[in-house]
Amino acid sequence: VPSPTLSRADEAIFYIGGLNGMIFAILPGGGIDWSLQTEHEIRSQASIGPSGNVYVGNDGGYMYGIKKNGTQIWKEDIDGAVWGKPLVGEDNSVYVAAITSKYLRKLNAWTGQAIWSTKLGPMVQSSPVIDELGTVYIGSSGGSLYGVNSESGDIVLNYDIGSIIYATPLVVDQK
């Protein structure tokens, strides 16, 4: 089961998905603000965009864009289960990796439409992160750390660390 995601501190709403395929918005007192059925198990932690929209993937290979009131905006087939947390970029894009198809995709956060898809190596369970220059980093079970250009989707780094990467990379000391 994924970790909960906390909205802005002034709202203090938790978003969490479950193996029953439901995503819930839980109020500070413990009540349920809303829930949405996604039809497949949710192992992905939800992400929140600047507008308050919620983005989450499931084991059925779908990504969802959900308004903060619980209304589904879009559902996009990304051709593989999502286990990592989606990344919402400053450019109003959602970056998400499909574990089984091995693709990293950039989606339009408002429509869910794919902007690009980049095939990576073995299974990708890691969550993507982005640096200030626009390179998206993600690890794979094959031991590769990938860097992907956020504009073009081109692989600009493929570094083999010699061991499975499940964790999310950390970008430090950006200048």
C-alpha atoms as a PDB file:
ATOM      1  CA  VAL A   1       0.000   0.000   0.000  1.00  0.00           C
ATOM      2  CA  PRO A   2       1.421   3.420  -0.920  1.00  0.00           C
ATOM      3  CA  SER A   3       2.245   6.217   1.491  1.00  0.00           C
ATOM      4  CA  PRO A   4      -0.337   8.975   1.822  1.00  0.00           C
ATOM      5  CA  THR A   5       0.220  12.333   0.130  1.00  0.00           C
ATOM      6  CA  LEU A   6      -0.537  15.481   2.101  1.00  0.00           C
ATOM      7  CA  SER A   7      -2.118  18.481   0.358  1.00  0.00           C
ATOM      8  CA  ARG A   8      -1.118  22.034   1.236  1.00  0.00           C
ATOM      9  CA  ALA A   9      -0.651  22.479   4.968  1.00  0.00           C
ATOM     10  CA  ASP A  10      -3.607  24.889   5.202  1.00  0.00           C
ATOM     11  CA  GLU A  11      -5.926  22.202   3.764  1.00  0.00           C
ATOM     12  CA  ALA A  12      -4.323  19.152   5.418  1.00  0.00           C
ATOM     13  CA  ILE A  13      -6.116  16.617   3.232  1.00  0.00           C
ATOM     14  CA  PHE A  14      -4.479  13.227   2.788  1.00  0.00           C
ATOM     15  CA  TYR A  15      -4.747  11.344  -0.507  1.00  0.00           C
ATOM     16  CA  ILE A  16      -4.155   7.606  -0.463  1.00  0.00           C
ATOM     17  CA  GLY A  17      -4.896   4.710  -2.765  1.00  0.00           C
ATOM     18  CA  GLY A  18      -5.500   1.112  -1.848  1.00  0.00           C
ATOM     19  CA  LEU A  19      -5.259  -2.400  -3.179  1.00  0.00           C
ATOM     20  CA  ASN A  20      -9.040  -2.265  -3.666  1.00  0.00           C
ATOM     21  CA  GLY A  21      -8.504   0.248  -6.493  1.00  0.00           C
ATOM     22  CA  MET A  22      -9.946   3.185  -4.571  1.00  0.00           C
ATOM     23  CA  ILE A  23      -8.275   6.527  -3.993  1.00  0.00           C
ATOM     24  CA  PHE A  24      -9.489   8.497  -0.996  1.00  0.00           C
ATOM     25  CA  ALA A  25      -9.285  12.127   0.106  1.00  0.00           C
ATOM     26  CA  ILE A  26      -9.237  12.014   3.906  1.00  0.00           C
ATOM     27  CA  LEU A  27     -10.081  15.106   5.958  1.00  0.00           C
ATOM     28  CA  PRO A  28      -8.073  16.221   9.021  1.00  0.00           C
ATOM     29  CA  GLY A  29     -10.645  14.740  11.428  1.00  0.00           C
ATOM     30  CA  GLY A  30     -10.549  11.368   9.670  1.00  0.00           C
ATOM     31  CA  GLY A  31     -13.683  11.692   7.558  1.00  0.00           C
ATOM     32  CA  ILE A  32     -13.698  10.920   3.856  1.00  0.00           C
ATOM     33  CA  ASP A  33     -14.048  13.979   1.624  1.00  0.00           C
ATOM     34  CA  TRP A  34     -14.346  11.865  -1.530  1.00  0.00           C
ATOM     35  CA  SER A  35     -13.309   8.562  -3.080  1.00  0.00           C
ATOM     36  CA  LEU A  36     -12.881   7.363  -6.640  1.00  0.00           C
ATOM     37  CA  GLN A  37     -12.808   3.794  -7.981  1.00  0.00           C
ATOM     38  CA  THR A  38      -9.973   3.146 -10.465  1.00  0.00           C
ATOM     39  CA  GLU A  39     -10.785  -0.543 -11.102  1.00  0.00           C
ATOM     40  CA  HIS A  40      -7.244  -1.804 -10.364  1.00  0.00           C
ATOM     41  CA  GLU A  41      -4.907  -1.939  -7.364  1.00  0.00           C
ATOM     42  CA  ILE A  42      -3.139   1.317  -6.512  1.00  0.00           C
ATOM     43  CA  ARG A  43       0.495   0.947  -5.425  1.00  0.00           C
ATOM     44  CA  SER A  44       1.494   4.427  -6.610  1.00  0.00           C
ATOM     45  CA  GLN A  45       1.654   7.350  -4.241  1.00  0.00           C
ATOM     46  CA  ALA A  46      -0.490  10.258  -5.456  1.00  0.00           C
ATOM     47  CA  SER A  47       0.988  13.583  -6.582  1.00  0.00           C
ATOM     48  CA  ILE A  48      -0.603  17.003  -6.336  1.00  0.00           C
ATOM     49  CA  GLY A  49      -0.226  19.653  -9.030  1.00  0.00           C
ATOM     50  CA  PRO A  50      -0.073  23.433  -8.552  1.00  0.00           C
ATOM     51  CA  SER A  51      -3.828  23.753  -9.159  1.00  0.00           C
ATOM     52  CA  GLY A  52      -4.576  21.159  -6.483  1.00  0.00           C
ATOM     53  CA  ASN A  53      -5.374  18.403  -8.979  1.00  0.00           C
ATOM     54  CA  VAL A  54      -4.389  14.887  -7.918  1.00  0.00           C
ATOM     55  CA  TYR A  55      -2.516  12.438 -10.171  1.00  0.00           C
ATOM     56  CA  VAL A  56      -2.245   8.711  -9.479  1.00  0.00           C
ATOM     57  CA  GLY A  57      -1.522   5.504 -11.400  1.00  0.00           C
ATOM     58  CA  ASN A  58      -2.712   1.948 -10.914  1.00  0.00           C
ATOM     59  CA  ASP A  59      -1.766  -1.658 -11.694  1.00  0.00           C
ATOM     60  CA  GLY A  60      -4.097  -1.729 -14.692  1.00  0.00           C
ATOM     61  CA  GLY A  61      -1.767   0.631 -16.554  1.00  0.00           C
ATOM     62  CA  TYR A  62      -3.844   3.782 -16.201  1.00  0.00           C
ATOM     63  CA  MET A  63      -3.007   7.264 -14.957  1.00  0.00           C
ATOM     64  CA  TYR A  64      -5.753   9.466 -13.570  1.00  0.00           C
ATOM     65  CA  GLY A  65      -6.097  13.215 -13.344  1.00  0.00           C
ATOM     66  CA  ILE A  66      -8.577  14.122 -10.603  1.00  0.00           C
ATOM     67  CA  LYS A  67      -9.854  17.539  -9.532  1.00  0.00           C
ATOM     68  CA  LYS A  68      -9.371  18.318  -5.866  1.00  0.00           C
ATOM     69  CA  ASN A  69     -13.140  17.881  -5.418  1.00  0.00           C
ATOM     70  CA  GLY A  70     -12.870  14.229  -6.572  1.00  0.00           C
ATOM     71  CA  THR A  71     -14.135  14.652 -10.135  1.00  0.00           C
ATOM     72  CA  GLN A  72     -12.164  12.603 -12.643  1.00  0.00           C
ATOM     73  CA  ILE A  73     -10.676  14.856 -15.354  1.00  0.00           C
ATOM     74  CA  TRP A  74      -9.021  12.165 -17.449  1.00  0.00           C
ATOM     75  CA  LYS A  75      -7.900   8.550 -17.556  1.00  0.00           C
ATOM     76  CA  GLU A  76      -4.946   7.654 -19.783  1.00  0.00           C
ATOM     77  CA  ASP A  77      -3.692   4.183 -20.748  1.00  0.00           C
ATOM     78  CA  ILE A  78       0.086   4.212 -20.250  1.00  0.00           C
ATOM     79  CA  ASP A  79       0.628   0.563 -21.132  1.00  0.00           C
ATOM     80  CA  GLY A  80       1.874  -0.788 -17.821  1.00  0.00           C
ATOM     81  CA  ALA A  81       1.429  -0.794 -14.062  1.00  0.00           C
ATOM     82  CA  VAL A  82       2.486   2.317 -12.133  1.00  0.00           C
ATOM     83  CA  TRP A  83       4.301   1.748  -8.849  1.00  0.00           C
ATOM     84  CA  GLY A  84       6.368   4.932  -8.574  1.00  0.00           C
ATOM     85  CA  LYS A  85       5.012   8.326  -7.605  1.00  0.00           C
ATOM     86  CA  PRO A  86       4.244  10.515 -10.632  1.00  0.00           C
ATOM     87  CA  LEU A  87       6.180  13.764 -10.917  1.00  0.00           C
ATOM     88  CA  VAL A  88       4.260  16.962 -11.631  1.00  0.00           C
ATOM     89  CA  GLY A  89       6.595  19.378 -13.395  1.00  0.00           C
ATOM     90  CA  GLU A  90       6.578  23.161 -13.332  1.00  0.00           C
ATOM     91  CA  ASP A  91       5.707  23.011 -17.051  1.00  0.00           C
ATOM     92  CA  ASN A  92       2.275  21.533 -16.179  1.00  0.00           C
ATOM     93  CA  SER A  93       3.316  18.039 -17.208  1.00  0.00           C
ATOM     94  CA  VAL A  94       3.073  14.727 -15.403  1.00  0.00           C
ATOM     95  CA  TYR A  95       6.043  12.352 -15.700  1.00  0.00           C
ATOM     96  CA  VAL A  96       5.231   8.722 -14.973  1.00  0.00           C
ATOM     97  CA  ALA A  97       6.935   5.368 -15.476  1.00  0.00           C
ATOM     98  CA  ALA A  98       5.193   2.109 -16.311  1.00  0.00           C
ATOM     99  CA  ILE A  99       6.885  -0.805 -14.545  1.00  0.00           C
ATOM    100  CA  THR A 100       5.941  -3.505 -17.055  1.00  0.00           C
ATOM    101  CA  SER A 101       6.242  -1.717 -20.394  1.00  0.00           C
ATOM    102  CA  LYS A 102       9.417   0.072 -19.234  1.00  0.00           C
ATOM    103  CA  TYR A 103       8.340   3.449 -20.626  1.00  0.00           C
ATOM    104  CA  LEU A 104       8.773   6.848 -19.047  1.00  0.00           C
ATOM    105  CA  ARG A 105       6.034   9.142 -20.304  1.00  0.00           C
ATOM    106  CA  LYS A 106       5.402  12.854 -20.208  1.00  0.00           C
ATOM    107  CA  LEU A 107       1.678  13.648 -20.084  1.00  0.00           C
ATOM    108  CA  ASN A 108      -0.196  16.919 -20.354  1.00  0.00           C
ATOM    109  CA  ALA A 109      -1.525  17.490 -16.814  1.00  0.00           C
ATOM    110  CA  TRP A 110      -4.809  19.012 -18.083  1.00  0.00           C
ATOM    111  CA  THR A 111      -5.711  16.386 -20.696  1.00  0.00           C
ATOM    112  CA  GLY A 112      -3.638  13.288 -19.924  1.00  0.00           C
ATOM    113  CA  GLN A 113      -2.439  13.220 -23.540  1.00  0.00           C
ATOM    114  CA  ALA A 114       1.069  11.799 -24.015  1.00  0.00           C
ATOM    115  CA  ILE A 115       3.648  14.373 -25.105  1.00  0.00           C
ATOM    116  CA  TRP A 116       6.433  11.772 -25.449  1.00  0.00           C
ATOM    117  CA  SER A 117       7.244   8.200 -24.435  1.00  0.00           C
ATOM    118  CA  THR A 118      10.776   6.923 -23.914  1.00  0.00           C
ATOM    119  CA  LYS A 119      11.598   3.227 -23.643  1.00  0.00           C
ATOM    120  CA  LEU A 120      14.001   2.486 -20.796  1.00  0.00           C
ATOM    121  CA  GLY A 121      15.623  -0.795 -19.763  1.00  0.00           C
ATOM    122  CA  PRO A 122      14.264  -3.421 -17.372  1.00  0.00           C
ATOM    123  CA  MET A 123      11.373  -2.739 -15.029  1.00  0.00           C
ATOM    124  CA  VAL A 124      11.034   0.773 -13.639  1.00  0.00           C
ATOM    125  CA  GLN A 125       9.689   1.000 -10.086  1.00  0.00           C
ATOM    126  CA  SER A 126      11.514   4.181  -9.140  1.00  0.00           C
ATOM    127  CA  SER A 127       9.823   7.584  -9.105  1.00  0.00           C
ATOM    128  CA  PRO A 128      11.098  10.300 -11.444  1.00  0.00           C
ATOM    129  CA  VAL A 129      12.741  13.533 -10.243  1.00  0.00           C
ATOM    130  CA  ILE A 130      13.804  16.558 -12.283  1.00  0.00           C
ATOM    131  CA  ASP A 131      16.740  18.947 -11.958  1.00  0.00           C
ATOM    132  CA  GLU A 132      16.729  22.674 -12.666  1.00  0.00           C
ATOM    133  CA  LEU A 133      18.135  22.088 -16.167  1.00  0.00           C
ATOM    134  CA  GLY A 134      15.163  19.910 -17.132  1.00  0.00           C
ATOM    135  CA  THR A 135      16.689  16.455 -16.916  1.00  0.00           C
ATOM    136  CA  VAL A 136      14.360  13.794 -15.481  1.00  0.00           C
ATOM    137  CA  TYR A 137      16.179  11.069 -13.496  1.00  0.00           C
ATOM    138  CA  ILE A 138      14.841   7.593 -12.783  1.00  0.00           C
ATOM    139  CA  GLY A 139      16.282   4.207 -11.822  1.00  0.00           C
ATOM    140  CA  SER A 140      15.570   0.700 -13.149  1.00  0.00           C
ATOM    141  CA  SER A 141      15.699  -2.863 -11.879  1.00  0.00           C
ATOM    142  CA  GLY A 142      18.507  -3.452 -14.390  1.00  0.00           C
ATOM    143  CA  GLY A 143      20.730  -1.145 -12.344  1.00  0.00           C
ATOM    144  CA  SER A 144      20.675   1.811 -14.718  1.00  0.00           C
ATOM    145  CA  LEU A 145      20.193   5.389 -13.643  1.00  0.00           C
ATOM    146  CA  TYR A 146      18.630   7.212 -16.570  1.00  0.00           C
ATOM    147  CA  GLY A 147      18.607  10.910 -17.330  1.00  0.00           C
ATOM    148  CA  VAL A 148      15.949  11.951 -19.852  1.00  0.00           C
ATOM    149  CA  ASN A 149      15.602  15.386 -21.449  1.00  0.00           C
ATOM    150  CA  SER A 150      12.219  16.739 -20.311  1.00  0.00           C
ATOM    151  CA  GLU A 151      11.560  18.552 -23.603  1.00  0.00           C
ATOM    152  CA  SER A 152      12.507  15.882 -26.153  1.00  0.00           C
ATOM    153  CA  GLY A 153      12.319  12.626 -24.184  1.00  0.00           C
ATOM    154  CA  ASP A 154      15.852  11.745 -25.359  1.00  0.00           C
ATOM    155  CA  ILE A 155      18.021   9.680 -23.010  1.00  0.00           C
ATOM    156  CA  VAL A 156      20.999  11.858 -22.039  1.00  0.00           C
ATOM    157  CA  LEU A 157      22.388   9.604 -19.273  1.00  0.00           C
ATOM    158  CA  ASN A 158      22.481   5.823 -18.852  1.00  0.00           C
ATOM    159  CA  TYR A 159      24.737   4.945 -15.922  1.00  0.00           C
ATOM    160  CA  ASP A 160      24.872   1.344 -14.671  1.00  0.00           C
ATOM    161  CA  ILE A 161      25.461   1.189 -10.912  1.00  0.00           C
ATOM    162  CA  GLY A 162      25.575  -2.614 -10.968  1.00  0.00           C
ATOM    163  CA  SER A 163      22.584  -3.147  -8.697  1.00  0.00           C
ATOM    164  CA  ILE A 164      18.786  -2.859  -8.771  1.00  0.00           C
ATOM    165  CA  ILE A 165      17.436   0.671  -8.240  1.00  0.00           C
ATOM    166  CA  TYR A 166      14.068   0.770  -6.501  1.00  0.00           C
ATOM    167  CA  ALA A 167      14.496   4.115  -4.759  1.00  0.00           C
ATOM    168  CA  THR A 168      13.879   7.562  -6.139  1.00  0.00           C
ATOM    169  CA  PRO A 169      17.062   9.411  -7.148  1.00  0.00           C
ATOM    170  CA  LEU A 170      17.941  12.542  -5.174  1.00  0.00           C
ATOM    171  CA  VAL A 171      19.089  15.705  -6.940  1.00  0.00           C
ATOM    172  CA  VAL A 172      21.284  17.905  -4.727  1.00  0.00           C
ATOM    173  CA  ASP A 173      23.311  21.112  -5.013  1.00  0.00           C
ATOM    174  CA  GLN A 174      21.590  22.485  -8.067  1.00  0.00           C
ATOM    175  CA  LYS A 175      23.030  25.753  -9.324  1.00  0.00           C
END
